Structures are given as C-alpha cells and as structure tokens.
C-alpha cells in the first residue's frame, strides 16, 4: 500500500451519504499505518513556535492530517461535531484530557460539569485512540524540549469544530469554526 498523499480538502457536503464511511476502528488502523511511514513523517516541516500540518488522503473519503507539535503547544478544549475520529503518535508524546460525557449539541453557552467525567491519557510513539461523535478534549505536548508528531483522521470530514474554555467545573462555548475558517 502506498503512503497517503497531500490533497485538497473535500467539503463535508461532497461526501456521499449512500455508502457508509470508514468506522472508528478503520480510521485508527489507517493512522497507525501512516504513523509507521518514516519517510512521510520526516517530510513534515517542524516549527519551533507553532504547530505545522499536512493534509493527507484518508480512507473512504475521510479527512486526515499529519501534525507537528512543538514543545509546550496544544489545541485547547474542542470537539469535532458529527465526525468520528482517531489519532496516533508517530514521534514524541502527547497528553489528552477528555470528558467522559456527551454534551448537548446546541442551545447552550455554559455548562457545569459533574465530578468524575475527566479523563487523562498519556500517549507515546505508537499509541493512539479512536473516538466517537462530539468527543470533547484537549491535546497537549507537555515536553519542554521534544517535538511530537501525530496522525489524525476524521469521518465525515470536519463540518465544524466547537472551541471551549474551561475554568474548574465550568465549560463555556467560545466559538464555532467551519472549514472556510481554516483556509
């Protein structure tokens, strides 16, 4: 099987709904295989100041990304709307903080979270995970001196990302981004 190649993003509206897309397990298999492609991983330019990324062809019309994480960088709290996804580490280590709860999809600005829903995962090279729709998390490179590189895949291609702030048990919806915001 050849390595994924860079491509132009496919709008979510262009993905057919008559055929089922890849499952979360298939996305996880894809990101694991891609993370093993040492030539592809080495082709990602790493920036000491900010994250870098390369769009990849994912399986079955999915959206995939190779992402470089300088030390001390992260995503902030967010979800991936209606998309399922998977990611794995090709180099370095990342920490994922997530919520073991499904949030309402619309009609709220502030939620008070209950005790016991916080989860933390330490992911090193070769480790990854799959997740379902509306998975709320933040991903961080907590290293002081080592870049991390990860591979991510989402299906359907991301229709939106909701960004949140968190203070203690209070989660606040700050903004909703759509693909045109990422161009």
Protein backbone atom coordinates (compact mmCIF):
# COMPACT_ATOMS: atom_id res chain seq x y z
CA UNK A 1 0.00 0.00 0.00
CA UNK A 2 1.39 3.41 -0.88
CA UNK A 3 1.66 6.31 1.53
CA UNK A 4 -1.14 8.87 1.70
CA UNK A 5 -0.53 11.90 -0.44
CA UNK A 6 -1.33 15.57 0.18
CA UNK A 7 -4.68 16.60 -1.25
CA UNK A 8 -7.23 19.35 -1.38
CA UNK A 9 -9.81 19.17 1.44
CA UNK A 10 -13.14 17.62 0.50
CA UNK A 11 -16.14 19.61 1.76
CA UNK A 12 -18.38 17.60 4.08
CA UNK A 13 -21.30 18.27 1.72
CA UNK A 14 -19.44 16.43 -1.08
CA UNK A 15 -19.19 13.20 0.89
CA UNK A 16 -21.90 10.79 -0.23
CA UNK A 17 -24.31 9.53 2.37
CA UNK A 18 -25.48 6.46 0.42
CA UNK A 19 -22.34 4.45 1.21
CA UNK A 20 -21.11 4.02 4.76
CA UNK A 21 -17.84 5.71 5.59
CA UNK A 22 -14.96 4.21 7.50
CA UNK A 23 -15.51 3.12 11.09
CA UNK A 24 -13.53 4.47 14.03
CA UNK A 25 -11.56 1.19 14.02
CA UNK A 26 -10.71 1.62 10.34
CA UNK A 27 -9.60 5.21 10.99
CA UNK A 28 -7.40 4.00 13.85
CA UNK A 29 -5.86 1.32 11.60
CA UNK A 30 -5.16 4.00 8.97
CA UNK A 31 -3.47 6.44 11.38
CA UNK A 32 -1.34 3.62 12.82
CA UNK A 33 -0.17 2.51 9.35
CA UNK A 34 0.50 6.11 8.35
CA UNK A 35 2.48 6.80 11.54
CA UNK A 36 4.79 3.91 10.55
CA UNK A 37 5.69 5.65 7.25
CA UNK A 38 9.03 7.12 8.32
CA UNK A 39 9.58 8.98 5.02
CA UNK A 40 6.21 10.73 5.31
CA UNK A 41 6.78 11.61 8.97
CA UNK A 42 10.23 13.02 8.14
CA UNK A 43 8.72 15.17 5.34
CA UNK A 44 6.71 17.30 7.81
CA UNK A 45 8.49 20.58 8.46
CA UNK A 46 8.72 21.26 12.20
CA UNK A 47 8.46 24.83 13.50
CA UNK A 48 9.81 25.70 16.96
CA UNK A 49 6.99 28.22 17.55
CA UNK A 50 3.74 26.70 16.30
CA UNK A 51 2.07 23.57 15.08
CA UNK A 52 2.59 22.50 11.47
CA UNK A 53 0.39 20.20 9.43
CA UNK A 54 0.00 18.38 6.15
CA UNK A 55 -3.37 17.29 4.72
CA UNK A 56 -3.47 13.61 3.74
CA UNK A 57 -5.85 11.36 1.80
CA UNK A 58 -7.73 9.33 4.37
CA UNK A 59 -9.65 6.11 3.76
CA UNK A 60 -13.17 6.18 2.35
CA UNK A 61 -13.38 9.96 1.92
CA UNK A 62 -12.15 10.76 5.41
CA UNK A 63 -10.12 13.84 6.30
CA UNK A 64 -6.62 13.11 7.59
CA UNK A 65 -3.77 15.24 8.93
CA UNK A 66 -0.13 14.84 9.87
CA UNK A 67 0.53 17.34 12.69
CA UNK A 68 3.78 18.56 14.27
CA UNK A 69 3.61 19.81 17.86
CA UNK A 70 6.45 21.95 19.24
CA UNK A 71 7.13 21.66 22.98
CA UNK A 72 4.50 23.40 25.08
CA UNK A 73 1.78 23.60 22.40
CA UNK A 74 -1.80 22.35 22.49
CA UNK A 75 -5.24 22.58 20.97
CA UNK A 76 -7.37 23.95 23.78
CA UNK A 77 -10.71 22.29 24.56
CA UNK A 78 -12.71 21.43 21.43
CA UNK A 79 -14.90 18.80 19.76
CA UNK A 80 -15.28 17.57 16.18
CA UNK A 81 -19.07 17.88 15.84
CA UNK A 82 -20.62 14.93 13.99
CA UNK A 83 -17.30 13.37 12.97
CA UNK A 84 -15.78 10.24 14.44
CA UNK A 85 -12.01 10.17 14.60
CA UNK A 86 -8.73 8.59 15.56
CA UNK A 87 -5.19 9.71 16.18
CA UNK A 88 -1.85 8.14 16.99
CA UNK A 89 1.68 9.29 17.75
CA UNK A 90 4.45 8.91 15.18
CA UNK A 91 7.05 10.64 17.39
CA UNK A 92 7.27 12.14 20.86
CA UNK A 93 4.41 12.12 23.36
CA UNK A 94 1.09 13.93 23.83
CA UNK A 95 -1.34 14.24 26.72
CA UNK A 96 -5.07 14.10 26.05
CA UNK A 97 -7.56 15.48 28.58
CA UNK A 98 -11.12 14.47 27.70
CA UNK A 99 -14.62 14.45 29.12
CA UNK A 100 -16.45 11.14 29.60
CA UNK A 101 -19.80 12.79 28.89
CA UNK A 102 -21.79 13.73 25.84
CA UNK A 103 -22.53 17.45 25.70
CA UNK A 104 -25.67 18.93 24.19
CA UNK A 105 -25.05 19.79 20.55
CA UNK A 106 -26.87 23.13 20.50
CA UNK A 107 -28.58 25.73 22.63
CA UNK A 108 -26.08 26.26 25.42
CA UNK A 109 -23.21 28.59 26.23
CA UNK A 110 -22.14 27.45 29.71
CA UNK A 111 -22.28 24.04 31.39
CA UNK A 112 -21.32 22.96 34.88
CA UNK A 113 -19.55 19.61 34.62
CA UNK A 114 -20.15 16.85 37.14
CA UNK A 115 -17.45 15.14 39.17
CA UNK A 116 -15.80 12.08 37.71
CA UNK A 117 -16.02 12.87 34.00
CA UNK A 118 -12.41 13.95 33.48
CA UNK A 119 -10.08 11.51 31.76
CA UNK A 120 -6.35 11.86 31.04
CA UNK A 121 -4.32 9.72 28.65
CA UNK A 122 -0.58 9.82 28.08
CA UNK A 123 0.17 8.80 24.50
CA UNK A 124 3.69 7.95 23.34
CA UNK A 125 5.02 6.89 19.95
CA UNK A 126 2.89 4.07 18.56
CA UNK A 127 -0.03 4.74 20.92
CA UNK A 128 -3.33 6.14 19.76
CA UNK A 129 -7.06 6.08 20.20
CA UNK A 130 -10.34 6.31 18.37
CA UNK A 131 -13.32 8.39 19.47
CA UNK A 132 -16.96 8.96 18.64
CA UNK A 133 -19.04 11.96 17.68
CA UNK A 134 -18.93 15.06 19.92
CA UNK A 135 -15.80 13.87 21.74
CA UNK A 136 -14.62 16.85 23.82
CA UNK A 137 -10.89 17.01 24.52
CA UNK A 138 -7.70 18.99 24.52
CA UNK A 139 -4.38 17.65 23.31
CA UNK A 140 -1.05 18.95 24.64
CA UNK A 141 2.65 18.45 24.05
CA UNK A 142 3.86 18.91 27.61
CA UNK A 143 7.50 18.21 26.76
CA UNK A 144 9.94 21.02 27.43
CA UNK A 145 12.24 20.13 24.55
CA UNK A 146 10.83 17.45 22.21
CA UNK A 147 8.52 17.84 19.23
CA UNK A 148 5.66 15.38 18.87
CA UNK A 149 4.21 14.26 15.53
CA UNK A 150 0.76 12.71 15.25
CA UNK A 151 -1.58 11.43 12.54
CA UNK A 152 -5.33 12.22 12.75
CA UNK A 153 -8.32 11.08 10.67
CA UNK A 154 -11.99 12.14 10.80
CA UNK A 155 -15.15 10.98 9.06
CA UNK A 156 -17.09 12.67 7.76
CA UNK A 157 -14.59 15.45 7.01
CA UNK A 158 -14.90 18.03 9.77
CA UNK A 159 -18.10 20.07 9.30
CA UNK A 160 -17.18 22.26 12.27
CA UNK A 161 -15.15 22.46 15.44
CA UNK A 162 -16.58 23.92 18.61
CA UNK A 163 -13.96 25.60 20.83
CA UNK A 164 -14.43 25.81 24.60
CA UNK A 165 -12.80 27.45 27.59
CA UNK A 166 -12.74 25.73 30.94
CA UNK A 167 -12.45 27.11 34.44
CA UNK A 168 -12.73 24.39 37.07
CA UNK A 169 -16.02 22.59 36.51
CA UNK A 170 -17.40 25.25 34.13
CA UNK A 171 -17.16 24.67 30.38
CA UNK A 172 -18.02 27.61 28.15
CA UNK A 173 -18.66 27.52 24.40
CA UNK A 174 -16.44 30.25 22.94
CA UNK A 175 -16.79 29.84 19.17
CA UNK A 176 -17.74 27.53 16.34
CA UNK A 177 -15.36 27.22 13.40
CA UNK A 178 -16.17 25.87 9.95
CA UNK A 179 -13.82 24.63 7.19
CA UNK A 180 -13.80 28.01 5.46
CA UNK A 181 -12.31 29.48 8.66
CA UNK A 182 -9.25 27.20 8.29
CA UNK A 183 -8.29 28.22 4.75
